[in-house]
Amino acid sequence: ASRVELEYRDLYLDRSRSRYDLEIQTDLGDAEKNMSEAQWRADKVNYALLLTQARLDALLGNDPAHRLLGDQ
């Protein structure tokens, strides 16, 4: 869900920038704010996923750092 919102916000930001370049009244500030919020939420989800994976690795006796090194 966060990935879809991020893609939508990115497209909306591009649209707002294009309209701004054409000197059409726009909500560029809102689009940029919404894009930042969507990116923050996506990063928050990814961070929570990494923490959960690290906890599972620790419970299984695996070294959680192996994910950072690409040894998934």
Protein backbone atom coordinates (compact mmCIF):
# COMPACT_ATOMS: atom_id res chain seq x y z
CA ALA A 1 0.00 0.00 0.00
CA SER A 2 2.77 2.45 0.83
CA ARG A 3 4.50 1.69 -2.49
CA VAL A 4 1.30 2.47 -4.43
CA GLU A 5 0.82 5.72 -2.53
CA LEU A 6 4.43 6.66 -3.16
CA GLU A 7 4.01 6.07 -6.91
CA TYR A 8 0.78 8.09 -6.92
CA ARG A 9 2.38 10.98 -5.03
CA ASP A 10 5.35 10.95 -7.39
CA LEU A 11 3.06 11.20 -10.42
CA TYR A 12 0.98 13.90 -8.73
CA LEU A 13 4.13 15.87 -7.95
CA ASP A 14 5.26 15.62 -11.59
CA ARG A 15 1.84 16.79 -12.72
CA SER A 16 1.91 19.73 -10.33
CA ARG A 17 5.40 20.72 -11.43
CA SER A 18 4.32 20.60 -15.07
CA ARG A 19 1.32 22.79 -14.35
CA TYR A 20 3.54 25.17 -12.40
CA ASP A 21 5.94 25.37 -15.35
CA LEU A 22 2.98 26.26 -17.56
CA GLU A 23 2.08 29.01 -15.06
CA ILE A 24 -1.21 27.36 -14.24
CA GLN A 25 -2.44 27.77 -10.70
CA THR A 26 -1.31 24.72 -8.80
CA ASP A 27 -0.87 23.18 -5.43
CA LEU A 28 2.85 22.47 -5.88
CA GLY A 29 3.56 23.00 -2.18
CA ASP A 30 0.91 20.48 -1.18
CA ALA A 31 2.17 18.02 -3.78
CA GLU A 32 5.73 18.29 -2.44
CA LYS A 33 4.51 17.91 1.15
CA ASN A 34 2.41 14.87 0.25
CA MET A 35 5.34 13.32 -1.62
CA SER A 36 7.57 13.80 1.43
CA GLU A 37 4.96 12.24 3.69
CA ALA A 38 4.49 9.26 1.36
CA GLN A 39 8.26 8.75 1.19
CA TRP A 40 8.46 8.94 5.00
CA ARG A 41 5.69 6.34 5.36
CA ALA A 42 7.37 4.02 2.85
CA ASP A 43 10.69 4.37 4.68
CA LYS A 44 8.92 3.70 7.99
CA VAL A 45 7.39 0.49 6.60
CA ASN A 46 10.76 -0.66 5.23
CA TYR A 47 12.44 0.06 8.56
CA ALA A 48 9.78 -1.89 10.46
CA LEU A 49 10.21 -4.79 8.05
CA LEU A 50 13.98 -4.82 8.56
CA LEU A 51 13.54 -4.74 12.34
CA THR A 52 11.08 -7.63 12.19
CA GLN A 53 13.43 -9.65 10.00
CA ALA A 54 16.31 -8.94 12.40
CA ARG A 55 14.18 -10.08 15.36
CA LEU A 56 13.25 -13.28 13.55
CA ASP A 57 16.90 -13.91 12.68
CA ALA A 58 17.87 -13.38 16.31
CA LEU A 59 15.16 -15.78 17.49
CA LEU A 60 16.40 -18.39 15.00
CA GLY A 61 19.98 -17.92 16.10
CA ASN A 62 21.06 -16.31 12.84
CA ASP A 63 23.24 -13.22 12.60
CA PRO A 64 20.87 -10.35 11.66
CA ALA A 65 23.75 -8.55 9.91
CA HIS A 66 23.74 -11.05 7.04
CA ARG A 67 20.82 -9.16 5.45
CA LEU A 68 22.88 -5.99 5.34
CA LEU A 69 25.65 -7.85 3.59
CA GLY A 70 23.30 -9.30 0.99
CA ASP A 71 23.51 -12.93 2.18
CA GLN A 72 19.74 -13.38 2.35
